[in-house]
Amino acid sequence: MNQPQPTTTPNLNEPKFGFNQYSERLNGRAAMIGFLITLAIEYFSGQGLLSWLGLS
């Protein structure tokens, strides 16, 4: 018996959680924004982030 093979590949959506390309890209963008905000806080306040938070 010869089974027919599918002619098209199904279009499966990647989940929006876990280790996939979408979540890694989103995490990287959030990290870059957080880093820039930290630099802006240090620049405009004249203090480091830890002293601005009251931890030093």
N, C-alpha and C. Protein backbone atom coordinates (compact mmCIF):
# COMPACT_ATOMS: atom_id res chain seq x y z
N MET A 1 0.84 -1.18 0.00
CA MET A 1 0.00 0.00 0.00
C MET A 1 0.88 1.24 0.00
N ASN A 2 0.59 2.13 -0.89
CA ASN A 2 1.36 3.35 -1.03
C ASN A 2 0.52 4.53 -0.55
N GLN A 3 0.97 5.17 0.57
CA GLN A 3 0.24 6.31 1.14
C GLN A 3 0.57 7.57 0.35
N PRO A 4 -0.42 8.40 0.04
CA PRO A 4 -0.12 9.68 -0.64
C PRO A 4 0.57 10.64 0.31
N GLN A 5 1.52 11.39 -0.20
CA GLN A 5 2.26 12.36 0.60
C GLN A 5 1.59 13.73 0.48
N PRO A 6 1.63 14.53 1.55
CA PRO A 6 1.03 15.86 1.48
C PRO A 6 1.80 16.74 0.49
N THR A 7 1.07 17.64 -0.16
CA THR A 7 1.70 18.50 -1.17
C THR A 7 2.06 19.87 -0.62
N THR A 8 1.49 20.26 0.51
CA THR A 8 1.82 21.56 1.11
C THR A 8 2.22 21.37 2.56
N THR A 9 2.99 22.30 3.05
CA THR A 9 3.40 22.29 4.45
C THR A 9 2.39 23.12 5.25
N PRO A 10 1.91 22.60 6.38
CA PRO A 10 0.95 23.38 7.16
C PRO A 10 1.60 24.63 7.74
N ASN A 11 0.84 25.71 7.81
CA ASN A 11 1.32 26.97 8.36
C ASN A 11 0.96 27.00 9.84
N LEU A 12 1.91 26.62 10.69
CA LEU A 12 1.67 26.58 12.13
C LEU A 12 2.17 27.86 12.77
N ASN A 13 1.35 28.47 13.61
CA ASN A 13 1.75 29.68 14.33
C ASN A 13 2.61 29.30 15.53
N GLU A 14 3.70 30.05 15.73
CA GLU A 14 4.54 29.80 16.89
C GLU A 14 3.83 30.32 18.13
N PRO A 15 3.99 29.64 19.26
CA PRO A 15 3.39 30.16 20.48
C PRO A 15 4.09 31.46 20.90
N LYS A 16 3.40 32.31 21.61
CA LYS A 16 3.95 33.60 22.03
C LYS A 16 4.63 33.51 23.38
N PHE A 17 4.98 32.32 23.84
CA PHE A 17 5.69 32.14 25.09
C PHE A 17 6.71 31.03 24.91
N GLY A 18 7.64 30.93 25.83
CA GLY A 18 8.69 29.92 25.73
C GLY A 18 9.86 30.45 24.91
N PHE A 19 10.80 29.57 24.62
CA PHE A 19 12.00 29.96 23.88
C PHE A 19 11.73 29.84 22.39
N ASN A 20 11.30 30.94 21.78
CA ASN A 20 11.13 30.97 20.34
C ASN A 20 11.65 32.31 19.84
N GLN A 21 11.68 32.48 18.55
CA GLN A 21 12.28 33.68 17.96
C GLN A 21 11.52 34.94 18.36
N TYR A 22 10.22 34.89 18.42
CA TYR A 22 9.42 36.07 18.77
C TYR A 22 9.72 36.53 20.19
N SER A 23 9.69 35.61 21.15
CA SER A 23 9.90 36.00 22.54
C SER A 23 11.33 36.47 22.80
N GLU A 24 12.30 35.87 22.13
CA GLU A 24 13.68 36.30 22.31
C GLU A 24 13.90 37.70 21.75
N ARG A 25 13.27 38.00 20.61
CA ARG A 25 13.38 39.35 20.03
C ARG A 25 12.72 40.37 20.94
N LEU A 26 11.56 40.04 21.47
CA LEU A 26 10.85 40.94 22.38
C LEU A 26 11.65 41.18 23.66
N ASN A 27 12.25 40.13 24.20
CA ASN A 27 13.06 40.26 25.40
C ASN A 27 14.28 41.13 25.14
N GLY A 28 14.93 40.98 24.00
CA GLY A 28 16.08 41.80 23.67
C GLY A 28 15.72 43.26 23.53
N ARG A 29 14.58 43.55 22.92
CA ARG A 29 14.14 44.94 22.79
C ARG A 29 13.82 45.55 24.14
N ALA A 30 13.17 44.79 25.01
CA ALA A 30 12.86 45.29 26.35
C ALA A 30 14.15 45.56 27.14
N ALA A 31 15.15 44.72 26.98
CA ALA A 31 16.43 44.93 27.67
C ALA A 31 17.12 46.19 27.16
N MET A 32 17.09 46.43 25.85
CA MET A 32 17.71 47.64 25.30
C MET A 32 17.00 48.90 25.80
N ILE A 33 15.68 48.86 25.86
CA ILE A 33 14.93 50.02 26.36
C ILE A 33 15.25 50.25 27.83
N GLY A 34 15.30 49.20 28.62
CA GLY A 34 15.65 49.33 30.04
C GLY A 34 17.04 49.89 30.25
N PHE A 35 17.98 49.47 29.43
CA PHE A 35 19.35 49.98 29.54
C PHE A 35 19.39 51.47 29.21
N LEU A 36 18.69 51.88 28.17
CA LEU A 36 18.66 53.30 27.81
C LEU A 36 17.98 54.14 28.89
N ILE A 37 16.93 53.63 29.48
CA ILE A 37 16.27 54.35 30.57
C ILE A 37 17.20 54.49 31.77
N THR A 38 17.97 53.44 32.07
CA THR A 38 18.93 53.50 33.17
C THR A 38 20.00 54.55 32.89
N LEU A 39 20.51 54.61 31.67
CA LEU A 39 21.49 55.64 31.33
C LEU A 39 20.90 57.03 31.44
N ALA A 40 19.66 57.21 31.01
CA ALA A 40 19.01 58.52 31.11
C ALA A 40 18.83 58.94 32.56
N ILE A 41 18.45 58.00 33.42
CA ILE A 41 18.29 58.31 34.85
C ILE A 41 19.62 58.77 35.43
N GLU A 42 20.69 58.05 35.12
CA GLU A 42 22.00 58.42 35.64
C GLU A 42 22.47 59.76 35.10
N TYR A 43 22.19 60.05 33.84
CA TYR A 43 22.62 61.30 33.24
C TYR A 43 21.87 62.49 33.83
N PHE A 44 20.55 62.40 33.90
CA PHE A 44 19.75 63.55 34.35
C PHE A 44 19.77 63.74 35.86
N SER A 45 19.96 62.69 36.65
CA SER A 45 19.99 62.84 38.10
C SER A 45 21.39 63.08 38.63
N GLY A 46 22.42 62.73 37.85
CA GLY A 46 23.80 62.89 38.33
C GLY A 46 24.20 61.84 39.34
N GLN A 47 23.39 60.83 39.52
CA GLN A 47 23.67 59.75 40.47
C GLN A 47 23.63 58.42 39.74
N GLY A 48 24.26 57.42 40.32
CA GLY A 48 24.14 56.08 39.78
C GLY A 48 22.77 55.50 40.10
N LEU A 49 22.42 54.44 39.45
CA LEU A 49 21.10 53.84 39.64
C LEU A 49 20.90 53.36 41.07
N LEU A 50 21.92 52.74 41.66
CA LEU A 50 21.77 52.22 43.02
C LEU A 50 21.56 53.34 44.02
N SER A 51 22.27 54.46 43.88
CA SER A 51 22.05 55.57 44.80
C SER A 51 20.71 56.24 44.54
N TRP A 52 20.27 56.26 43.27
CA TRP A 52 18.97 56.82 42.96
C TRP A 52 17.85 55.99 43.61
N LEU A 53 18.07 54.69 43.68
CA LEU A 53 17.09 53.81 44.33
C LEU A 53 17.25 53.78 45.85
N GLY A 54 18.30 54.42 46.36
CA GLY A 54 18.54 54.46 47.81
C GLY A 54 19.19 53.20 48.34
N LEU A 55 19.96 52.50 47.50
CA LEU A 55 20.58 51.24 47.93
C LEU A 55 22.07 51.35 48.22
N SER A 56 22.66 52.52 48.08
CA SER A 56 24.11 52.59 48.32
C SER A 56 24.42 53.33 49.59
